[in-house]
Amino acid sequence: MGLVIGIVKVIFLLGFLVLIHEGGHFFVAKLCRINVKEFSLGFGPKIFSKQGKQTKYSVRAIPFGGYVDLLGETGDVTEVRLI
């Protein structure tokens, strides 16, 4: 039982660290007036997703990472929106 509790603690700690790290990317992008298409904690299939005014927020199944998808990052800019 102690092993399971330890694993759960590690997963929550990593999730918190990923949240802080990706939140930094999100915050700086907003300060620089870059549109954020998606803010995601985790990888893989979506567990939860909510569409904000400009950004989709999601939590995914594999908690060991995350990403911030910025408009124009992949070169597929079809529109320019100022925040």
PDB file of N, CA and C in Angstrom:
ATOM      1  N   MET A   1       0.818  -1.199   0.000  1.00  0.00           N
ATOM      2  CA  MET A   1       0.000   0.000   0.000  1.00  0.00           C
ATOM      3  C   MET A   1       0.862   1.263   0.000  1.00  0.00           C
ATOM      4  N   GLY A   2       1.993   1.209   0.713  1.00  0.00           N
ATOM      5  CA  GLY A   2       2.892   2.363   0.757  1.00  0.00           C
ATOM      6  C   GLY A   2       3.468   2.699  -0.605  1.00  0.00           C
ATOM      7  N   LEU A   3       3.705   1.669  -1.429  1.00  0.00           N
ATOM      8  CA  LEU A   3       4.233   1.890  -2.778  1.00  0.00           C
ATOM      9  C   LEU A   3       3.225   2.643  -3.639  1.00  0.00           C
ATOM     10  N   VAL A   4       1.959   2.262  -3.541  1.00  0.00           N
ATOM     11  CA  VAL A   4       0.907   2.924  -4.328  1.00  0.00           C
ATOM     12  C   VAL A   4       0.783   4.391  -3.927  1.00  0.00           C
ATOM     13  N   ILE A   5       0.811   4.665  -2.643  1.00  0.00           N
ATOM     14  CA  ILE A   5       0.738   6.049  -2.168  1.00  0.00           C
ATOM     15  C   ILE A   5       1.947   6.843  -2.658  1.00  0.00           C
ATOM     16  N   GLY A   6       3.123   6.232  -2.649  1.00  0.00           N
ATOM     17  CA  GLY A   6       4.325   6.897  -3.153  1.00  0.00           C
ATOM     18  C   GLY A   6       4.221   7.224  -4.631  1.00  0.00           C
ATOM     19  N   ILE A   7       3.688   6.294  -5.422  1.00  0.00           N
ATOM     20  CA  ILE A   7       3.525   6.516  -6.864  1.00  0.00           C
ATOM     21  C   ILE A   7       2.526   7.645  -7.110  1.00  0.00           C
ATOM     22  N   VAL A   8       1.429   7.656  -6.366  1.00  0.00           N
ATOM     23  CA  VAL A   8       0.423   8.722  -6.514  1.00  0.00           C
ATOM     24  C   VAL A   8       1.027  10.077  -6.149  1.00  0.00           C
ATOM     25  N   LYS A   9       1.826  10.118  -5.096  1.00  0.00           N
ATOM     26  CA  LYS A   9       2.486  11.371  -4.711  1.00  0.00           C
ATOM     27  C   LYS A   9       3.413  11.874  -5.808  1.00  0.00           C
ATOM     28  N   VAL A  10       4.190  10.967  -6.406  1.00  0.00           N
ATOM     29  CA  VAL A  10       5.111  11.349  -7.481  1.00  0.00           C
ATOM     30  C   VAL A  10       4.332  11.887  -8.681  1.00  0.00           C
ATOM     31  N   ILE A  11       3.233  11.235  -9.029  1.00  0.00           N
ATOM     32  CA  ILE A  11       2.423  11.689 -10.171  1.00  0.00           C
ATOM     33  C   ILE A  11       1.866  13.087  -9.907  1.00  0.00           C
ATOM     34  N   PHE A  12       1.356  13.338  -8.696  1.00  0.00           N
ATOM     35  CA  PHE A  12       0.844  14.674  -8.378  1.00  0.00           C
ATOM     36  C   PHE A  12       1.954  15.719  -8.359  1.00  0.00           C
ATOM     37  N   LEU A  13       3.120  15.373  -7.847  1.00  0.00           N
ATOM     38  CA  LEU A  13       4.238  16.305  -7.823  1.00  0.00           C
ATOM     39  C   LEU A  13       4.693  16.649  -9.237  1.00  0.00           C
ATOM     40  N   LEU A  14       4.829  15.639 -10.091  1.00  0.00           N
ATOM     41  CA  LEU A  14       5.210  15.906 -11.476  1.00  0.00           C
ATOM     42  C   LEU A  14       4.148  16.744 -12.189  1.00  0.00           C
ATOM     43  N   GLY A  15       2.879  16.437 -11.933  1.00  0.00           N
ATOM     44  CA  GLY A  15       1.794  17.228 -12.527  1.00  0.00           C
ATOM     45  C   GLY A  15       1.864  18.681 -12.116  1.00  0.00           C
ATOM     46  N   PHE A  16       2.166  18.923 -10.835  1.00  0.00           N
ATOM     47  CA  PHE A  16       2.293  20.299 -10.348  1.00  0.00           C
ATOM     48  C   PHE A  16       3.477  21.006 -11.010  1.00  0.00           C
ATOM     49  N   LEU A  17       4.607  20.308 -11.131  1.00  0.00           N
ATOM     50  CA  LEU A  17       5.784  20.906 -11.779  1.00  0.00           C
ATOM     51  C   LEU A  17       5.516  21.217 -13.247  1.00  0.00           C
ATOM     52  N   VAL A  18       4.819  20.321 -13.935  1.00  0.00           N
ATOM     53  CA  VAL A  18       4.461  20.557 -15.337  1.00  0.00           C
ATOM     54  C   VAL A  18       3.525  21.763 -15.439  1.00  0.00           C
ATOM     55  N   LEU A  19       2.565  21.861 -14.516  1.00  0.00           N
ATOM     56  CA  LEU A  19       1.648  23.006 -14.506  1.00  0.00           C
ATOM     57  C   LEU A  19       2.406  24.320 -14.359  1.00  0.00           C
ATOM     58  N   ILE A  20       3.359  24.375 -13.440  1.00  0.00           N
ATOM     59  CA  ILE A  20       4.152  25.593 -13.238  1.00  0.00           C
ATOM     60  C   ILE A  20       4.982  25.903 -14.491  1.00  0.00           C
ATOM     61  N   HIS A  21       5.626  24.890 -15.052  1.00  0.00           N
ATOM     62  CA  HIS A  21       6.483  25.088 -16.228  1.00  0.00           C
ATOM     63  C   HIS A  21       5.671  25.566 -17.435  1.00  0.00           C
ATOM     64  N   GLU A  22       4.615  24.835 -17.776  1.00  0.00           N
ATOM     65  CA  GLU A  22       3.806  25.205 -18.937  1.00  0.00           C
ATOM     66  C   GLU A  22       3.043  26.511 -18.687  1.00  0.00           C
ATOM     67  N   GLY A  23       2.679  26.762 -17.431  1.00  0.00           N
ATOM     68  CA  GLY A  23       2.049  28.032 -17.094  1.00  0.00           C
ATOM     69  C   GLY A  23       2.968  29.207 -17.383  1.00  0.00           C
ATOM     70  N   GLY A  24       4.274  29.010 -17.196  1.00  0.00           N
ATOM     71  CA  GLY A  24       5.249  30.043 -17.545  1.00  0.00           C
ATOM     72  C   GLY A  24       5.244  30.354 -19.031  1.00  0.00           C
ATOM     73  N   HIS A  25       5.199  29.299 -19.862  1.00  0.00           N
ATOM     74  CA  HIS A  25       5.113  29.504 -21.315  1.00  0.00           C
ATOM     75  C   HIS A  25       3.833  30.253 -21.678  1.00  0.00           C
ATOM     76  N   PHE A  26       2.728  29.844 -21.065  1.00  0.00           N
ATOM     77  CA  PHE A  26       1.427  30.462 -21.322  1.00  0.00           C
ATOM     78  C   PHE A  26       1.447  31.947 -20.933  1.00  0.00           C
ATOM     79  N   PHE A  27       1.964  32.234 -19.741  1.00  0.00           N
ATOM     80  CA  PHE A  27       2.007  33.604 -19.239  1.00  0.00           C
ATOM     81  C   PHE A  27       2.856  34.508 -20.131  1.00  0.00           C
ATOM     82  N   VAL A  28       4.031  34.043 -20.540  1.00  0.00           N
ATOM     83  CA  VAL A  28       4.914  34.844 -21.396  1.00  0.00           C
ATOM     84  C   VAL A  28       4.284  35.046 -22.773  1.00  0.00           C
ATOM     85  N   ALA A  29       3.637  34.014 -23.315  1.00  0.00           N
ATOM     86  CA  ALA A  29       2.967  34.174 -24.610  1.00  0.00           C
ATOM     87  C   ALA A  29       1.885  35.238 -24.526  1.00  0.00           C
ATOM     88  N   LYS A  30       1.105  35.228 -23.459  1.00  0.00           N
ATOM     89  CA  LYS A  30       0.060  36.241 -23.299  1.00  0.00           C
ATOM     90  C   LYS A  30       0.661  37.636 -23.123  1.00  0.00           C
ATOM     91  N   LEU A  31       1.777  37.740 -22.386  1.00  0.00           N
ATOM     92  CA  LEU A  31       2.443  39.037 -22.230  1.00  0.00           C
ATOM     93  C   LEU A  31       2.940  39.576 -23.566  1.00  0.00           C
ATOM     94  N   CYS A  32       3.378  38.686 -24.434  1.00  0.00           N
ATOM     95  CA  CYS A  32       3.888  39.076 -25.756  1.00  0.00           C
ATOM     96  C   CYS A  32       2.783  39.155 -26.805  1.00  0.00           C
ATOM     97  N   ARG A  33       1.538  39.048 -26.366  1.00  0.00           N
ATOM     98  CA  ARG A  33       0.369  39.125 -27.244  1.00  0.00           C
ATOM     99  C   ARG A  33       0.367  38.055 -28.335  1.00  0.00           C
ATOM    100  N   ILE A  34       0.787  36.864 -27.978  1.00  0.00           N
ATOM    101  CA  ILE A  34       0.740  35.709 -28.879  1.00  0.00           C
ATOM    102  C   ILE A  34      -0.482  34.888 -28.495  1.00  0.00           C
ATOM    103  N   ASN A  35      -1.296  34.548 -29.483  1.00  0.00           N
ATOM    104  CA  ASN A  35      -2.504  33.777 -29.208  1.00  0.00           C
ATOM    105  C   ASN A  35      -2.142  32.324 -28.881  1.00  0.00           C
ATOM    106  N   VAL A  36      -2.694  31.812 -27.808  1.00  0.00           N
ATOM    107  CA  VAL A  36      -2.467  30.427 -27.396  1.00  0.00           C
ATOM    108  C   VAL A  36      -3.677  29.613 -27.832  1.00  0.00           C
ATOM    109  N   LYS A  37      -3.460  28.638 -28.736  1.00  0.00           N
ATOM    110  CA  LYS A  37      -4.564  27.808 -29.213  1.00  0.00           C
ATOM    111  C   LYS A  37      -4.968  26.772 -28.174  1.00  0.00           C
ATOM    112  N   GLU A  38      -3.969  26.120 -27.517  1.00  0.00           N
ATOM    113  CA  GLU A  38      -4.291  25.096 -26.531  1.00  0.00           C
ATOM    114  C   GLU A  38      -3.255  25.062 -25.415  1.00  0.00           C
ATOM    115  N   PHE A  39      -3.728  24.900 -24.199  1.00  0.00           N
ATOM    116  CA  PHE A  39      -2.895  24.701 -23.018  1.00  0.00           C
ATOM    117  C   PHE A  39      -3.253  23.326 -22.482  1.00  0.00           C
ATOM    118  N   SER A  40      -2.280  22.403 -22.492  1.00  0.00           N
ATOM    119  CA  SER A  40      -2.573  21.022 -22.125  1.00  0.00           C
ATOM    120  C   SER A  40      -1.620  20.521 -21.051  1.00  0.00           C
ATOM    121  N   LEU A  41      -2.180  19.833 -20.063  1.00  0.00           N
ATOM    122  CA  LEU A  41      -1.388  19.125 -19.068  1.00  0.00           C
ATOM    123  C   LEU A  41      -1.479  17.646 -19.404  1.00  0.00           C
ATOM    124  N   GLY A  42      -0.355  17.034 -19.736  1.00  0.00           N
ATOM    125  CA  GLY A  42      -0.319  15.626 -20.085  1.00  0.00           C
ATOM    126  C   GLY A  42      -0.311  15.410 -21.582  1.00  0.00           C
ATOM    127  N   PHE A  43      -0.178  14.127 -21.948  1.00  0.00           N
ATOM    128  CA  PHE A  43      -0.170  13.702 -23.351  1.00  0.00           C
ATOM    129  C   PHE A  43      -1.210  12.610 -23.541  1.00  0.00           C
ATOM    130  N   GLY A  44      -1.475  12.255 -24.789  1.00  0.00           N
ATOM    131  CA  GLY A  44      -2.390  11.152 -25.067  1.00  0.00           C
ATOM    132  C   GLY A  44      -3.826  11.609 -25.176  1.00  0.00           C
ATOM    133  N   PRO A  45      -4.758  10.665 -24.948  1.00  0.00           N
ATOM    134  CA  PRO A  45      -6.176  10.996 -25.096  1.00  0.00           C
ATOM    135  C   PRO A  45      -6.661  11.994 -24.046  1.00  0.00           C
ATOM    136  N   LYS A  46      -7.611  12.822 -24.449  1.00  0.00           N
ATOM    137  CA  LYS A  46      -8.154  13.843 -23.553  1.00  0.00           C
ATOM    138  C   LYS A  46      -9.037  13.201 -22.482  1.00  0.00           C
ATOM    139  N   ILE A  47      -8.839  13.642 -21.249  1.00  0.00           N
ATOM    140  CA  ILE A  47      -9.717  13.258 -20.154  1.00  0.00           C
ATOM    141  C   ILE A  47     -10.758  14.354 -19.941  1.00  0.00           C
ATOM    142  N   PHE A  48     -10.302  15.606 -20.040  1.00  0.00           N
ATOM    143  CA  PHE A  48     -11.159  16.769 -19.814  1.00  0.00           C
ATOM    144  C   PHE A  48     -10.712  17.873 -20.750  1.00  0.00           C
ATOM    145  N   SER A  49     -11.661  18.616 -21.295  1.00  0.00           N
ATOM    146  CA  SER A  49     -11.339  19.725 -22.183  1.00  0.00           C
ATOM    147  C   SER A  49     -12.393  20.812 -22.005  1.00  0.00           C
ATOM    148  N   LYS A  50     -11.934  22.067 -22.014  1.00  0.00           N
ATOM    149  CA  LYS A  50     -12.849  23.207 -21.900  1.00  0.00           C
ATOM    150  C   LYS A  50     -12.357  24.302 -22.831  1.00  0.00           C
ATOM    151  N   GLN A  51     -13.255  24.853 -23.613  1.00  0.00           N
ATOM    152  CA  GLN A  51     -12.923  25.923 -24.538  1.00  0.00           C
ATOM    153  C   GLN A  51     -13.137  27.262 -23.860  1.00  0.00           C
ATOM    154  N   GLY A  52     -12.074  28.055 -23.757  1.00  0.00           N
ATOM    155  CA  GLY A  52     -12.176  29.411 -23.240  1.00  0.00           C
ATOM    156  C   GLY A  52     -12.483  30.359 -24.378  1.00  0.00           C
ATOM    157  N   LYS A  53     -12.289  31.668 -24.149  1.00  0.00           N
ATOM    158  CA  LYS A  53     -12.550  32.661 -25.196  1.00  0.00           C
ATOM    159  C   LYS A  53     -11.648  32.429 -26.408  1.00  0.00           C
ATOM    160  N   GLN A  54     -10.345  32.221 -26.167  1.00  0.00           N
ATOM    161  CA  GLN A  54      -9.395  32.027 -27.264  1.00  0.00           C
ATOM    162  C   GLN A  54      -8.613  30.732 -27.131  1.00  0.00           C
ATOM    163  N   THR A  55      -8.592  30.134 -25.966  1.00  0.00           N
ATOM    164  CA  THR A  55      -7.719  29.008 -25.681  1.00  0.00           C
ATOM    165  C   THR A  55      -8.528  27.798 -25.238  1.00  0.00           C
ATOM    166  N   LYS A  56      -8.126  26.613 -25.738  1.00  0.00           N
ATOM    167  CA  LYS A  56      -8.705  25.363 -25.257  1.00  0.00           C
ATOM    168  C   LYS A  56      -7.802  24.841 -24.143  1.00  0.00           C
ATOM    169  N   TYR A  57      -8.397  24.516 -22.997  1.00  0.00           N
ATOM    170  CA  TYR A  57      -7.669  23.977 -21.853  1.00  0.00           C
ATOM    171  C   TYR A  57      -7.996  22.494 -21.758  1.00  0.00           C
ATOM    172  N   SER A  58      -6.959  21.639 -21.619  1.00  0.00           N
ATOM    173  CA  SER A  58      -7.233  20.212 -21.559  1.00  0.00           C
ATOM    174  C   SER A  58      -6.298  19.506 -20.584  1.00  0.00           C
ATOM    175  N   VAL A  59      -6.820  18.405 -20.045  1.00  0.00           N
ATOM    176  CA  VAL A  59      -6.052  17.480 -19.212  1.00  0.00           C
ATOM    177  C   VAL A  59      -6.070  16.160 -19.950  1.00  0.00           C
ATOM    178  N   ARG A  60      -4.883  15.558 -20.097  1.00  0.00           N
ATOM    179  CA  ARG A  60      -4.773  14.327 -20.870  1.00  0.00           C
ATOM    180  C   ARG A  60      -4.325  13.163 -20.000  1.00  0.00           C
ATOM    181  N   ALA A  61      -4.386  11.966 -20.540  1.00  0.00           N
ATOM    182  CA  ALA A  61      -4.246  10.727 -19.776  1.00  0.00           C
ATOM    183  C   ALA A  61      -2.850  10.469 -19.215  1.00  0.00           C
ATOM    184  N   ILE A  62      -1.799  10.827 -19.920  1.00  0.00           N
ATOM    185  CA  ILE A  62      -0.438  10.532 -19.475  1.00  0.00           C
ATOM    186  C   ILE A  62       0.138  11.788 -18.838  1.00  0.00           C
ATOM    187  N   PRO A  63       0.332  11.791 -17.510  1.00  0.00           N
ATOM    188  CA  PRO A  63       0.644  13.036 -16.794  1.00  0.00           C
ATOM    189  C   PRO A  63       2.102  13.477 -16.841  1.00  0.00           C
ATOM    190  N   PHE A  64       2.937  12.861 -17.632  1.00  0.00           N
ATOM    191  CA  PHE A  64       4.370  13.169 -17.617  1.00  0.00           C
ATOM    192  C   PHE A  64       4.759  14.174 -18.682  1.00  0.00           C
ATOM    193  N   GLY A  65       4.114  15.324 -18.705  1.00  0.00           N
ATOM    194  CA  GLY A  65       4.452  16.372 -19.660  1.00  0.00           C
ATOM    195  C   GLY A  65       3.267  17.279 -19.899  1.00  0.00           C
ATOM    196  N   GLY A  66       3.376  18.099 -20.908  1.00  0.00           N
ATOM    197  CA  GLY A  66       2.323  19.023 -21.276  1.00  0.00           C
ATOM    198  C   GLY A  66       2.813  19.906 -22.409  1.00  0.00           C
ATOM    199  N   TYR A  67       1.949  20.756 -22.895  1.00  0.00           N
ATOM    200  CA  TYR A  67       2.373  21.656 -23.965  1.00  0.00           C
ATOM    201  C   TYR A  67       1.460  22.868 -24.047  1.00  0.00           C
ATOM    202  N   VAL A  68       2.003  23.904 -24.687  1.00  0.00           N
ATOM    203  CA  VAL A  68       1.257  25.113 -25.005  1.00  0.00           C
ATOM    204  C   VAL A  68       1.363  25.280 -26.512  1.00  0.00           C
ATOM    205  N   ASP A  69       0.228  25.232 -27.206  1.00  0.00           N
ATOM    206  CA  ASP A  69       0.184  25.333 -28.662  1.00  0.00           C
ATOM    207  C   ASP A  69      -0.072  26.788 -29.038  1.00  0.00           C
ATOM    208  N   LEU A  70       0.928  27.423 -29.638  1.00  0.00           N
ATOM    209  CA  LEU A  70       0.843  28.839 -29.988  1.00  0.00           C
ATOM    210  C   LEU A  70       0.440  29.018 -31.443  1.00  0.00           C
ATOM    211  N   LEU A  71      -0.338  30.049 -31.721  1.00  0.00           N
ATOM    212  CA  LEU A  71      -0.731  30.366 -33.084  1.00  0.00           C
ATOM    213  C   LEU A  71       0.502  30.715 -33.901  1.00  0.00           C
ATOM    214  N   GLY A  72       0.652  30.086 -35.053  1.00  0.00           N
ATOM    215  CA  GLY A  72       1.771  30.363 -35.942  1.00  0.00           C
ATOM    216  C   GLY A  72       3.015  29.557 -35.652  1.00  0.00           C
ATOM    217  N   GLU A  73       2.999  28.740 -34.620  1.00  0.00           N
ATOM    218  CA  GLU A  73       4.182  27.969 -34.257  1.00  0.00           C
ATOM    219  C   GLU A  73       4.523  26.909 -35.300  1.00  0.00           C
ATOM    220  N   THR A  74       3.498  26.352 -35.955  1.00  0.00           N
ATOM    221  CA  THR A  74       3.735  25.313 -36.955  1.00  0.00           C
ATOM    222  C   THR A  74       3.724  25.860 -38.377  1.00  0.00           C
ATOM    223  N   GLY A  75       3.617  27.171 -38.550  1.00  0.00           N
ATOM    224  CA  GLY A  75       3.641  27.783 -39.866  1.00  0.00           C
ATOM    225  C   GLY A  75       2.305  27.743 -40.574  1.00  0.00           C
ATOM    226  N   ASP A  76       1.236  27.384 -39.898  1.00  0.00           N
ATOM    227  CA  ASP A  76      -0.074  27.280 -40.517  1.00  0.00           C
ATOM    228  C   ASP A  76      -0.985  28.441 -40.126  1.00  0.00           C
ATOM    229  N   VAL A  77      -0.450  29.648 -40.150  1.00  0.00           N
ATOM    230  CA  VAL A  77      -1.222  30.821 -39.755  1.00  0.00           C
ATOM    231  C   VAL A  77      -2.191  31.177 -40.869  1.00  0.00           C
ATOM    232  N   THR A  78      -3.470  31.136 -40.523  1.00  0.00           N
ATOM    233  CA  THR A  78      -4.493  31.539 -41.484  1.00  0.00           C
ATOM    234  C   THR A  78      -5.180  32.828 -41.050  1.00  0.00           C
ATOM    235  N   GLU A  79      -4.942  33.226 -39.811  1.00  0.00           N
ATOM    236  CA  GLU A  79      -5.528  34.459 -39.314  1.00  0.00           C
ATOM    237  C   GLU A  79      -4.619  35.053 -38.260  1.00  0.00           C
ATOM    238  N   VAL A  80      -4.746  36.340 -38.055  1.00  0.00           N
ATOM    239  CA  VAL A  80      -3.981  37.024 -37.009  1.00  0.00           C
ATOM    240  C   VAL A  80      -4.994  37.691 -36.099  1.00  0.00           C
ATOM    241  N   ARG A  81      -4.931  37.344 -34.803  1.00  0.00           N
ATOM    242  CA  ARG A  81      -5.827  37.949 -33.839  1.00  0.00           C
ATOM    243  C   ARG A  81      -4.998  38.632 -32.767  1.00  0.00           C
ATOM    244  N   LEU A  82      -5.258  39.887 -32.502  1.00  0.00           N
ATOM    245  CA  LEU A  82      -4.611  40.586 -31.420  1.00  0.00           C
ATOM    246  C   LEU A  82      -5.435  40.400 -30.168  1.00  0.00           C
ATOM    247  N   ILE A  83      -4.751  40.210 -29.087  1.00  0.00           N
ATOM    248  CA  ILE A  83      -5.423  39.979 -27.802  1.00  0.00           C
ATOM    249  C   ILE A  83      -5.845  41.297 -27.201  1.00  0.00           C
TER     250      ILE A  83
END
